[in-house]
């Protein structure tokens, strides 16, 4: 086991709205799992090839949840080296 933490990971901080969405008991387990998996992928690389800029500012990103299950939106704060998960839009 390695005691050193990888410094190339980006901490992902969920907004209150995302926390509420993930704690909703009516959220299907497979959708919850897909969102958690995306959160891990975002922590590894916030500029995932599947993501797109939400607007003209490239720090706001949108990422589809696999199998057409919705969208995850987030902002990359390069100054603080953190990603803020702003919204989960399940479909």
C-alpha atoms as a PDB file:
ATOM      1  CA  UNK A   1       0.000   0.000   0.000  1.00  0.00           C
ATOM      2  CA  UNK A   2       1.321   3.422  -0.966  1.00  0.00           C
ATOM      3  CA  UNK A   3       1.181   6.082   1.772  1.00  0.00           C
ATOM      4  CA  UNK A   4       1.651   8.893  -0.733  1.00  0.00           C
ATOM      5  CA  UNK A   5      -1.480  10.451  -2.148  1.00  0.00           C
ATOM      6  CA  UNK A   6      -1.442  11.150  -5.877  1.00  0.00           C
ATOM      7  CA  UNK A   7      -1.190  14.895  -6.343  1.00  0.00           C
ATOM      8  CA  UNK A   8      -2.617  14.751  -9.840  1.00  0.00           C
ATOM      9  CA  UNK A   9      -6.138  14.014  -8.554  1.00  0.00           C
ATOM     10  CA  UNK A  10      -8.671  16.836  -8.420  1.00  0.00           C
ATOM     11  CA  UNK A  11     -10.841  16.936  -5.287  1.00  0.00           C
ATOM     12  CA  UNK A  12     -14.513  17.008  -6.297  1.00  0.00           C
ATOM     13  CA  UNK A  13     -16.804  19.023  -4.030  1.00  0.00           C
ATOM     14  CA  UNK A  14     -20.555  18.474  -4.529  1.00  0.00           C
ATOM     15  CA  UNK A  15     -22.921  21.425  -4.242  1.00  0.00           C
ATOM     16  CA  UNK A  16     -25.843  21.232  -1.834  1.00  0.00           C
ATOM     17  CA  UNK A  17     -28.142  20.512  -4.796  1.00  0.00           C
ATOM     18  CA  UNK A  18     -25.957  17.559  -5.835  1.00  0.00           C
ATOM     19  CA  UNK A  19     -25.841  16.274  -2.258  1.00  0.00           C
ATOM     20  CA  UNK A  20     -29.643  16.450  -2.131  1.00  0.00           C
ATOM     21  CA  UNK A  21     -29.976  14.631  -5.467  1.00  0.00           C
ATOM     22  CA  UNK A  22     -27.612  11.855  -4.398  1.00  0.00           C
ATOM     23  CA  UNK A  23     -29.311  11.396  -1.033  1.00  0.00           C
ATOM     24  CA  UNK A  24     -32.795  11.150  -2.577  1.00  0.00           C
ATOM     25  CA  UNK A  25     -34.052   7.628  -1.771  1.00  0.00           C
ATOM     26  CA  UNK A  26     -35.982   7.529  -5.055  1.00  0.00           C
ATOM     27  CA  UNK A  27     -32.746   7.841  -7.087  1.00  0.00           C
ATOM     28  CA  UNK A  28     -32.203   4.457  -8.755  1.00  0.00           C
ATOM     29  CA  UNK A  29     -29.123   2.594  -7.521  1.00  0.00           C
ATOM     30  CA  UNK A  30     -27.692   2.176 -11.024  1.00  0.00           C
ATOM     31  CA  UNK A  31     -27.984   5.924 -11.651  1.00  0.00           C
ATOM     32  CA  UNK A  32     -26.356   6.678  -8.285  1.00  0.00           C
ATOM     33  CA  UNK A  33     -23.512   4.302  -9.178  1.00  0.00           C
ATOM     34  CA  UNK A  34     -23.062   5.923 -12.593  1.00  0.00           C
ATOM     35  CA  UNK A  35     -22.827   9.391 -11.013  1.00  0.00           C
ATOM     36  CA  UNK A  36     -20.287   8.188  -8.455  1.00  0.00           C
ATOM     37  CA  UNK A  37     -18.225   6.588 -11.244  1.00  0.00           C
ATOM     38  CA  UNK A  38     -18.289   9.871 -13.179  1.00  0.00           C
ATOM     39  CA  UNK A  39     -17.171  11.720 -10.051  1.00  0.00           C
ATOM     40  CA  UNK A  40     -14.141   9.429  -9.810  1.00  0.00           C
ATOM     41  CA  UNK A  41     -13.397   9.948 -13.521  1.00  0.00           C
ATOM     42  CA  UNK A  42     -13.672  13.735 -13.097  1.00  0.00           C
ATOM     43  CA  UNK A  43     -11.249  13.587 -10.143  1.00  0.00           C
ATOM     44  CA  UNK A  44      -8.755  11.826 -12.395  1.00  0.00           C
ATOM     45  CA  UNK A  45      -9.225  14.188 -15.371  1.00  0.00           C
ATOM     46  CA  UNK A  46     -11.748  17.052 -15.288  1.00  0.00           C
ATOM     47  CA  UNK A  47     -11.258  17.612 -19.044  1.00  0.00           C
ATOM     48  CA  UNK A  48     -12.624  14.216 -20.029  1.00  0.00           C
ATOM     49  CA  UNK A  49     -12.980  13.816 -23.813  1.00  0.00           C
ATOM     50  CA  UNK A  50     -16.704  13.059 -23.352  1.00  0.00           C
ATOM     51  CA  UNK A  51     -17.241  16.385 -21.571  1.00  0.00           C
ATOM     52  CA  UNK A  52     -18.001  19.657 -23.316  1.00  0.00           C
ATOM     53  CA  UNK A  53     -17.764  23.301 -22.350  1.00  0.00           C
ATOM     54  CA  UNK A  54     -21.071  24.461 -20.913  1.00  0.00           C
ATOM     55  CA  UNK A  55     -20.613  27.963 -22.297  1.00  0.00           C
ATOM     56  CA  UNK A  56     -17.895  30.117 -23.804  1.00  0.00           C
ATOM     57  CA  UNK A  57     -15.835  29.786 -20.614  1.00  0.00           C
ATOM     58  CA  UNK A  58     -14.131  26.384 -20.755  1.00  0.00           C
ATOM     59  CA  UNK A  59     -14.004  25.966 -16.976  1.00  0.00           C
ATOM     60  CA  UNK A  60     -17.734  25.111 -16.838  1.00  0.00           C
ATOM     61  CA  UNK A  61     -18.205  21.580 -18.141  1.00  0.00           C
ATOM     62  CA  UNK A  62     -21.099  19.249 -18.938  1.00  0.00           C
ATOM     63  CA  UNK A  63     -20.729  15.476 -19.012  1.00  0.00           C
ATOM     64  CA  UNK A  64     -23.386  12.979 -20.097  1.00  0.00           C
ATOM     65  CA  UNK A  65     -24.285  10.185 -17.716  1.00  0.00           C
ATOM     66  CA  UNK A  66     -23.836   6.910 -19.652  1.00  0.00           C
ATOM     67  CA  UNK A  67     -26.783   5.312 -21.449  1.00  0.00           C
ATOM     68  CA  UNK A  68     -28.666   8.605 -21.806  1.00  0.00           C
ATOM     69  CA  UNK A  69     -29.369   8.778 -18.063  1.00  0.00           C
ATOM     70  CA  UNK A  70     -28.816  12.538 -17.769  1.00  0.00           C
ATOM     71  CA  UNK A  71     -26.065  15.118 -17.303  1.00  0.00           C
ATOM     72  CA  UNK A  72     -23.528  16.132 -14.694  1.00  0.00           C
ATOM     73  CA  UNK A  73     -22.377  19.757 -14.669  1.00  0.00           C
ATOM     74  CA  UNK A  74     -19.281  21.055 -12.929  1.00  0.00           C
ATOM     75  CA  UNK A  75     -16.782  23.883 -12.831  1.00  0.00           C
ATOM     76  CA  UNK A  76     -13.012  23.443 -12.751  1.00  0.00           C
ATOM     77  CA  UNK A  77     -11.290  25.853 -10.380  1.00  0.00           C
ATOM     78  CA  UNK A  78      -7.709  25.706 -11.634  1.00  0.00           C
ATOM     79  CA  UNK A  79      -6.521  28.302  -9.094  1.00  0.00           C
ATOM     80  CA  UNK A  80      -7.600  26.121  -6.150  1.00  0.00           C
ATOM     81  CA  UNK A  81      -7.059  22.788  -7.971  1.00  0.00           C
ATOM     82  CA  UNK A  82     -10.597  21.647  -7.173  1.00  0.00           C
ATOM     83  CA  UNK A  83     -13.710  20.677  -9.131  1.00  0.00           C
ATOM     84  CA  UNK A  84     -17.106  21.871  -7.949  1.00  0.00           C
ATOM     85  CA  UNK A  85     -19.906  19.513  -8.969  1.00  0.00           C
ATOM     86  CA  UNK A  86     -22.745  21.975  -9.461  1.00  0.00           C
ATOM     87  CA  UNK A  87     -25.669  20.003 -10.828  1.00  0.00           C
ATOM     88  CA  UNK A  88     -26.909  16.507 -11.601  1.00  0.00           C
ATOM     89  CA  UNK A  89     -29.740  16.321 -14.124  1.00  0.00           C
ATOM     90  CA  UNK A  90     -31.141  12.776 -14.152  1.00  0.00           C
ATOM     91  CA  UNK A  91     -33.370  11.728 -17.028  1.00  0.00           C
END
